[in-house]
Amino acid sequence: MELTGKVAIVTGGASGLGKAFSQVLLKNECKVCVADLNQQEGEKTIQELKKAFGEKNVLFVMCDVSNEKDLEKVFNETVKTFGHVDILVNNAGIGGESRWKEVISVDLVCEFIFDICPNFRIFLIRDKIFGFTGLLL
């Protein structure tokens, strides 16, 4: 898949694998929205990415992926900034037996919310309607 000019949202994008996914996408000339709950780490990461890949190629939106309104905000801010969304990297996740309710909310409920959010449903079916193709990871 040719990535030049594509627009991606990476959840959990401020650190770890999410940050690495963001860097690879940017190296392949994508525009990237880094969505993460950790505002401090997100702002630090976004400054690094802007310095390396250009101010206009990256955006940070603070997001709790277990919150439907936050997911809508990420999608809407990405479209407002970059015009559309082509790729969704659903990377956010947590672990820990002692936090099992939070783990279920982030790692499982988030998947369900992506399916029910109107904007994400449009993203997933738009290729059938308009002939666009997107990628959900």
N, C-alpha and C. Protein backbone atom coordinates (compact mmCIF):
# COMPACT_ATOMS: atom_id res chain seq x y z
N MET A 1 0.85 -1.18 0.00
CA MET A 1 0.00 0.00 0.00
C MET A 1 0.89 1.24 0.00
N GLU A 2 0.63 2.13 -0.89
CA GLU A 2 1.34 3.41 -0.96
C GLU A 2 0.86 4.28 0.19
N LEU A 3 1.77 4.80 0.99
CA LEU A 3 1.41 5.58 2.17
C LEU A 3 1.55 7.09 1.98
N THR A 4 2.26 7.53 0.97
CA THR A 4 2.47 8.95 0.75
C THR A 4 1.13 9.69 0.69
N GLY A 5 0.99 10.71 1.55
CA GLY A 5 -0.21 11.52 1.56
C GLY A 5 -1.38 10.95 2.35
N LYS A 6 -1.24 9.74 2.88
CA LYS A 6 -2.31 9.15 3.68
C LYS A 6 -2.33 9.83 5.05
N VAL A 7 -3.47 9.74 5.73
CA VAL A 7 -3.65 10.31 7.06
C VAL A 7 -3.98 9.17 8.02
N ALA A 8 -3.23 9.12 9.13
CA ALA A 8 -3.40 8.04 10.10
C ALA A 8 -3.72 8.59 11.49
N ILE A 9 -4.52 7.84 12.23
CA ILE A 9 -4.73 8.05 13.65
C ILE A 9 -4.05 6.88 14.35
N VAL A 10 -3.21 7.17 15.34
CA VAL A 10 -2.55 6.12 16.12
C VAL A 10 -2.96 6.31 17.58
N THR A 11 -3.77 5.39 18.10
CA THR A 11 -4.13 5.47 19.52
C THR A 11 -2.99 4.89 20.34
N GLY A 12 -2.82 5.44 21.53
CA GLY A 12 -1.66 5.04 22.34
C GLY A 12 -0.37 5.41 21.65
N GLY A 13 -0.39 6.52 20.92
CA GLY A 13 0.72 6.90 20.05
C GLY A 13 1.84 7.69 20.69
N ALA A 14 1.74 7.99 21.99
CA ALA A 14 2.75 8.85 22.61
C ALA A 14 3.99 8.09 23.07
N SER A 15 3.91 6.77 23.16
CA SER A 15 5.06 6.00 23.65
C SER A 15 5.00 4.57 23.11
N GLY A 16 6.08 3.86 23.33
CA GLY A 16 6.13 2.44 22.98
C GLY A 16 5.87 2.16 21.51
N LEU A 17 5.11 1.09 21.27
CA LEU A 17 4.80 0.70 19.89
C LEU A 17 4.03 1.77 19.14
N GLY A 18 3.12 2.47 19.83
CA GLY A 18 2.36 3.53 19.18
C GLY A 18 3.25 4.63 18.65
N LYS A 19 4.24 5.02 19.42
CA LYS A 19 5.20 6.03 18.96
C LYS A 19 5.99 5.50 17.77
N ALA A 20 6.40 4.23 17.85
CA ALA A 20 7.14 3.63 16.74
C ALA A 20 6.28 3.56 15.47
N PHE A 21 5.00 3.19 15.62
CA PHE A 21 4.09 3.18 14.45
C PHE A 21 4.00 4.58 13.86
N SER A 22 3.86 5.59 14.73
CA SER A 22 3.76 6.98 14.26
C SER A 22 5.01 7.38 13.48
N GLN A 23 6.18 7.04 14.00
CA GLN A 23 7.44 7.38 13.32
C GLN A 23 7.53 6.71 11.95
N VAL A 24 7.17 5.44 11.87
CA VAL A 24 7.23 4.72 10.59
C VAL A 24 6.26 5.34 9.58
N LEU A 25 5.06 5.66 10.03
CA LEU A 25 4.08 6.28 9.13
C LEU A 25 4.59 7.64 8.64
N LEU A 26 5.15 8.43 9.53
CA LEU A 26 5.69 9.73 9.14
C LEU A 26 6.88 9.59 8.20
N LYS A 27 7.74 8.60 8.43
CA LYS A 27 8.87 8.36 7.52
C LYS A 27 8.38 7.99 6.12
N ASN A 28 7.18 7.41 6.05
CA ASN A 28 6.59 7.03 4.77
C ASN A 28 5.65 8.12 4.24
N GLU A 29 5.84 9.34 4.74
CA GLU A 29 5.16 10.54 4.25
C GLU A 29 3.66 10.57 4.51
N CYS A 30 3.24 9.95 5.61
CA CYS A 30 1.86 10.08 6.09
C CYS A 30 1.77 11.30 6.98
N LYS A 31 0.56 11.77 7.18
CA LYS A 31 0.25 12.74 8.23
C LYS A 31 -0.35 11.92 9.36
N VAL A 32 0.02 12.25 10.63
CA VAL A 32 -0.36 11.39 11.74
C VAL A 32 -0.98 12.19 12.88
N CYS A 33 -2.11 11.68 13.39
CA CYS A 33 -2.69 12.16 14.63
C CYS A 33 -2.31 11.17 15.72
N VAL A 34 -1.52 11.64 16.68
CA VAL A 34 -1.14 10.84 17.84
C VAL A 34 -2.23 11.07 18.89
N ALA A 35 -2.94 10.02 19.25
CA ALA A 35 -4.00 10.11 20.26
C ALA A 35 -3.55 9.33 21.48
N ASP A 36 -3.54 9.99 22.64
CA ASP A 36 -3.06 9.32 23.85
C ASP A 36 -3.67 9.98 25.07
N LEU A 37 -3.83 9.20 26.12
CA LEU A 37 -4.37 9.71 27.38
C LEU A 37 -3.35 10.53 28.16
N ASN A 38 -2.08 10.22 27.97
CA ASN A 38 -1.01 10.88 28.72
C ASN A 38 -0.63 12.20 28.02
N GLN A 39 -1.20 13.29 28.52
CA GLN A 39 -0.98 14.60 27.89
C GLN A 39 0.50 14.99 27.90
N GLN A 40 1.17 14.80 29.03
CA GLN A 40 2.57 15.21 29.14
C GLN A 40 3.44 14.44 28.15
N GLU A 41 3.29 13.13 28.09
CA GLU A 41 4.08 12.32 27.16
C GLU A 41 3.68 12.63 25.72
N GLY A 42 2.38 12.87 25.51
CA GLY A 42 1.91 13.21 24.16
C GLY A 42 2.52 14.50 23.65
N GLU A 43 2.57 15.52 24.48
CA GLU A 43 3.15 16.80 24.07
C GLU A 43 4.65 16.67 23.82
N LYS A 44 5.32 15.88 24.65
CA LYS A 44 6.75 15.65 24.44
C LYS A 44 6.99 14.93 23.11
N THR A 45 6.22 13.88 22.87
CA THR A 45 6.36 13.10 21.63
C THR A 45 6.04 13.96 20.42
N ILE A 46 5.00 14.75 20.51
CA ILE A 46 4.59 15.55 19.36
C ILE A 46 5.66 16.57 18.99
N GLN A 47 6.34 17.13 19.98
CA GLN A 47 7.42 18.07 19.70
C GLN A 47 8.59 17.37 18.99
N GLU A 48 8.91 16.15 19.44
CA GLU A 48 9.97 15.37 18.78
C GLU A 48 9.59 15.08 17.33
N LEU A 49 8.34 14.66 17.13
CA LEU A 49 7.89 14.29 15.78
C LEU A 49 7.80 15.51 14.87
N LYS A 50 7.34 16.63 15.40
CA LYS A 50 7.28 17.86 14.59
C LYS A 50 8.68 18.29 14.17
N LYS A 51 9.63 18.19 15.08
CA LYS A 51 11.01 18.57 14.76
C LYS A 51 11.59 17.67 13.67
N ALA A 52 11.29 16.38 13.75
CA ALA A 52 11.84 15.42 12.79
C ALA A 52 11.09 15.39 11.46
N PHE A 53 9.75 15.63 11.50
CA PHE A 53 8.95 15.41 10.29
C PHE A 53 8.15 16.62 9.82
N GLY A 54 8.24 17.73 10.53
CA GLY A 54 7.55 18.94 10.09
C GLY A 54 6.30 19.23 10.91
N GLU A 55 6.11 20.51 11.16
CA GLU A 55 4.98 21.00 11.98
C GLU A 55 3.62 20.57 11.44
N LYS A 56 3.48 20.57 10.11
CA LYS A 56 2.16 20.34 9.51
C LYS A 56 1.83 18.87 9.30
N ASN A 57 2.71 17.99 9.71
CA ASN A 57 2.50 16.56 9.45
C ASN A 57 2.02 15.76 10.64
N VAL A 58 1.94 16.39 11.81
CA VAL A 58 1.60 15.64 13.01
C VAL A 58 0.73 16.48 13.94
N LEU A 59 -0.18 15.79 14.63
CA LEU A 59 -1.15 16.41 15.52
C LEU A 59 -1.26 15.54 16.77
N PHE A 60 -1.43 16.17 17.93
CA PHE A 60 -1.70 15.42 19.16
C PHE A 60 -3.09 15.76 19.66
N VAL A 61 -3.85 14.72 20.00
CA VAL A 61 -5.16 14.91 20.65
C VAL A 61 -5.20 14.00 21.87
N MET A 62 -5.43 14.59 23.03
CA MET A 62 -5.56 13.79 24.24
C MET A 62 -6.85 12.99 24.15
N CYS A 63 -6.75 11.70 24.48
CA CYS A 63 -7.90 10.82 24.27
C CYS A 63 -7.90 9.64 25.23
N ASP A 64 -9.03 9.41 25.86
CA ASP A 64 -9.29 8.18 26.61
C ASP A 64 -10.08 7.28 25.67
N VAL A 65 -9.46 6.22 25.18
CA VAL A 65 -10.10 5.38 24.16
C VAL A 65 -11.33 4.64 24.67
N SER A 66 -11.54 4.63 25.98
CA SER A 66 -12.75 4.01 26.52
C SER A 66 -13.92 4.99 26.56
N ASN A 67 -13.70 6.22 26.08
CA ASN A 67 -14.71 7.27 26.10
C ASN A 67 -15.12 7.61 24.66
N GLU A 68 -16.38 7.35 24.35
CA GLU A 68 -16.87 7.56 22.98
C GLU A 68 -16.70 9.01 22.52
N LYS A 69 -16.96 9.97 23.40
CA LYS A 69 -16.82 11.39 23.02
C LYS A 69 -15.36 11.73 22.70
N ASP A 70 -14.42 11.16 23.43
CA ASP A 70 -13.00 11.39 23.13
C ASP A 70 -12.63 10.82 21.77
N LEU A 71 -13.16 9.65 21.44
CA LEU A 71 -12.86 9.05 20.13
C LEU A 71 -13.44 9.89 19.00
N GLU A 72 -14.64 10.40 19.20
CA GLU A 72 -15.24 11.29 18.20
C GLU A 72 -14.37 12.54 18.04
N LYS A 73 -13.88 13.09 19.18
CA LYS A 73 -13.03 14.28 19.13
C LYS A 73 -11.76 14.00 18.32
N VAL A 74 -11.14 12.85 18.53
CA VAL A 74 -9.93 12.49 17.77
C VAL A 74 -10.23 12.47 16.29
N PHE A 75 -11.29 11.79 15.92
CA PHE A 75 -11.64 11.69 14.50
C PHE A 75 -11.93 13.08 13.92
N ASN A 76 -12.74 13.87 14.63
CA ASN A 76 -13.12 15.19 14.13
C ASN A 76 -11.92 16.14 14.03
N GLU A 77 -11.03 16.14 15.02
CA GLU A 77 -9.84 16.99 14.97
C GLU A 77 -8.90 16.58 13.84
N THR A 78 -8.80 15.27 13.61
CA THR A 78 -7.95 14.78 12.52
C THR A 78 -8.50 15.23 11.17
N VAL A 79 -9.79 15.08 10.98
CA VAL A 79 -10.42 15.52 9.72
C VAL A 79 -10.32 17.03 9.57
N LYS A 80 -10.53 17.76 10.66
CA LYS A 80 -10.43 19.23 10.61
C LYS A 80 -9.02 19.66 10.20
N THR A 81 -8.01 18.97 10.72
CA THR A 81 -6.62 19.35 10.45
C THR A 81 -6.12 18.84 9.11
N PHE A 82 -6.42 17.58 8.79
CA PHE A 82 -5.82 16.94 7.61
C PHE A 82 -6.82 16.65 6.49
N GLY A 83 -8.12 16.84 6.73
CA GLY A 83 -9.10 16.68 5.67
C GLY A 83 -9.79 15.34 5.58
N HIS A 84 -9.17 14.29 6.08
CA HIS A 84 -9.76 12.96 6.00
C HIS A 84 -8.93 12.00 6.88
N VAL A 85 -9.36 10.74 6.94
CA VAL A 85 -8.62 9.69 7.64
C VAL A 85 -8.55 8.48 6.73
N ASP A 86 -7.35 7.92 6.57
CA ASP A 86 -7.16 6.72 5.75
C ASP A 86 -6.81 5.49 6.58
N ILE A 87 -6.11 5.70 7.68
CA ILE A 87 -5.55 4.59 8.45
C ILE A 87 -5.87 4.80 9.92
N LEU A 88 -6.33 3.75 10.59
CA LEU A 88 -6.53 3.77 12.03
C LEU A 88 -5.68 2.66 12.64
N VAL A 89 -4.72 3.04 13.48
CA VAL A 89 -3.90 2.07 14.21
C VAL A 89 -4.44 2.04 15.63
N ASN A 90 -5.22 1.02 15.94
CA ASN A 90 -5.88 0.90 17.23
C ASN A 90 -4.92 0.21 18.20
N ASN A 91 -3.95 0.97 18.68
CA ASN A 91 -2.83 0.45 19.46
C ASN A 91 -3.00 0.58 20.97
N ALA A 92 -3.83 1.51 21.44
CA ALA A 92 -3.93 1.77 22.87
C ALA A 92 -4.34 0.51 23.63
N GLY A 93 -3.72 0.31 24.76
CA GLY A 93 -4.07 -0.83 25.60
C GLY A 93 -3.32 -0.75 26.91
N ILE A 94 -3.85 -1.43 27.90
CA ILE A 94 -3.22 -1.49 29.21
C ILE A 94 -3.26 -2.91 29.72
N GLY A 95 -2.58 -3.16 30.81
CA GLY A 95 -2.60 -4.48 31.43
C GLY A 95 -2.56 -4.36 32.93
N GLY A 96 -2.76 -5.47 33.61
CA GLY A 96 -2.68 -5.49 35.07
C GLY A 96 -3.89 -6.12 35.71
N GLU A 97 -3.68 -7.21 36.42
CA GLU A 97 -4.77 -7.92 37.07
C GLU A 97 -5.50 -7.07 38.10
N SER A 98 -4.79 -6.23 38.81
CA SER A 98 -5.41 -5.43 39.87
C SER A 98 -6.32 -4.33 39.31
N ARG A 99 -6.17 -4.03 38.04
CA ARG A 99 -6.97 -2.98 37.39
C ARG A 99 -7.90 -3.60 36.35
N TRP A 100 -8.47 -4.74 36.62
CA TRP A 100 -9.18 -5.50 35.59
C TRP A 100 -10.35 -4.74 34.96
N LYS A 101 -11.07 -3.92 35.73
CA LYS A 101 -12.18 -3.16 35.15
C LYS A 101 -11.67 -2.14 34.12
N GLU A 102 -10.58 -1.49 34.45
CA GLU A 102 -9.98 -0.51 33.54
C GLU A 102 -9.41 -1.22 32.29
N VAL A 103 -8.81 -2.39 32.50
CA VAL A 103 -8.27 -3.17 31.38
C VAL A 103 -9.40 -3.53 30.41
N ILE A 104 -10.52 -4.00 30.93
CA ILE A 104 -11.66 -4.35 30.08
C ILE A 104 -12.16 -3.12 29.35
N SER A 105 -12.25 -1.99 30.05
CA SER A 105 -12.75 -0.76 29.45
C SER A 105 -11.87 -0.29 28.30
N VAL A 106 -10.55 -0.33 28.48
CA VAL A 106 -9.64 0.17 27.45
C VAL A 106 -9.42 -0.86 26.35
N ASP A 107 -9.16 -2.10 26.72
CA ASP A 107 -8.76 -3.10 25.74
C ASP A 107 -9.93 -3.76 25.01
N LEU A 108 -11.11 -3.79 25.60
CA LEU A 108 -12.25 -4.45 24.98
C LEU A 108 -13.34 -3.47 24.58
N VAL A 109 -13.80 -2.66 25.52
CA VAL A 109 -14.89 -1.73 25.23
C VAL A 109 -14.49 -0.76 24.13
N CYS A 110 -13.24 -0.34 24.13
CA CYS A 110 -12.75 0.56 23.09
C CYS A 110 -12.99 -0.02 21.70
N GLU A 111 -12.77 -1.31 21.53
CA GLU A 111 -13.01 -1.96 20.24
C GLU A 111 -14.48 -1.82 19.85
N PHE A 112 -15.37 -2.00 20.80
CA PHE A 112 -16.80 -1.88 20.55
C PHE A 112 -17.15 -0.45 20.17
N ILE A 113 -16.60 0.52 20.91
CA ILE A 113 -16.89 1.93 20.63
C ILE A 113 -16.45 2.30 19.22
N PHE A 114 -15.29 1.81 18.79
CA PHE A 114 -14.85 2.08 17.42
C PHE A 114 -15.89 1.59 16.42
N ASP A 115 -16.53 0.48 16.74
CA ASP A 115 -17.54 -0.07 15.84
C ASP A 115 -18.83 0.75 15.83
N ILE A 116 -19.19 1.36 16.98
CA ILE A 116 -20.48 2.04 17.04
C ILE A 116 -20.40 3.54 16.78
N CYS A 117 -19.23 4.16 16.91
CA CYS A 117 -19.12 5.60 16.67
C CYS A 117 -19.48 5.90 15.22
N PRO A 118 -20.41 6.80 14.99
CA PRO A 118 -20.83 7.08 13.61
C PRO A 118 -19.68 7.44 12.68
N ASN A 119 -18.75 8.28 13.12
CA ASN A 119 -17.66 8.68 12.23
C ASN A 119 -16.75 7.51 11.89
N PHE A 120 -16.52 6.61 12.83
CA PHE A 120 -15.68 5.46 12.53
C PHE A 120 -16.42 4.45 11.66
N ARG A 121 -17.74 4.35 11.82
CA ARG A 121 -18.50 3.49 10.91
C ARG A 121 -18.39 4.01 9.49
N ILE A 122 -18.47 5.32 9.34
CA ILE A 122 -18.32 5.92 8.01
C ILE A 122 -16.94 5.61 7.45
N PHE A 123 -15.90 5.76 8.30
CA PHE A 123 -14.53 5.45 7.88
C PHE A 123 -14.43 4.02 7.37
N LEU A 124 -15.06 3.08 8.07
CA LEU A 124 -14.93 1.67 7.72
C LEU A 124 -15.70 1.29 6.46
N ILE A 125 -16.79 2.01 6.16
CA ILE A 125 -17.57 1.63 4.98
C ILE A 125 -17.42 2.58 3.81
N ARG A 126 -16.63 3.64 3.96
CA ARG A 126 -16.58 4.65 2.90
C ARG A 126 -16.04 4.11 1.59
N ASP A 127 -15.20 3.07 1.65
CA ASP A 127 -14.69 2.53 0.39
C ASP A 127 -15.82 1.97 -0.45
N LYS A 128 -16.86 1.44 0.19
CA LYS A 128 -18.00 0.90 -0.55
C LYS A 128 -18.87 2.02 -1.13
N ILE A 129 -18.90 3.15 -0.42
CA ILE A 129 -19.75 4.26 -0.85
C ILE A 129 -19.05 5.15 -1.88
N PHE A 130 -17.80 5.53 -1.59
CA PHE A 130 -17.12 6.52 -2.40
C PHE A 130 -15.94 5.99 -3.18
N GLY A 131 -15.62 4.73 -3.02
CA GLY A 131 -14.47 4.17 -3.74
C GLY A 131 -13.14 4.44 -3.08
N PHE A 132 -13.13 4.97 -1.84
CA PHE A 132 -11.88 5.18 -1.11
C PHE A 132 -11.48 3.89 -0.44
N THR A 133 -10.22 3.78 -0.12
CA THR A 133 -9.77 2.63 0.66
C THR A 133 -9.04 3.12 1.89
N GLY A 134 -9.29 2.48 2.99
CA GLY A 134 -8.65 2.81 4.24
C GLY A 134 -8.09 1.54 4.86
N LEU A 135 -7.38 1.71 5.95
CA LEU A 135 -6.75 0.58 6.60
C LEU A 135 -6.97 0.69 8.09
N LEU A 136 -7.49 -0.38 8.69
CA LEU A 136 -7.71 -0.45 10.13
C LEU A 136 -6.78 -1.50 10.69
N LEU A 137 -5.89 -1.10 11.60
CA LEU A 137 -4.95 -2.02 12.21
C LEU A 137 -5.29 -2.20 13.68
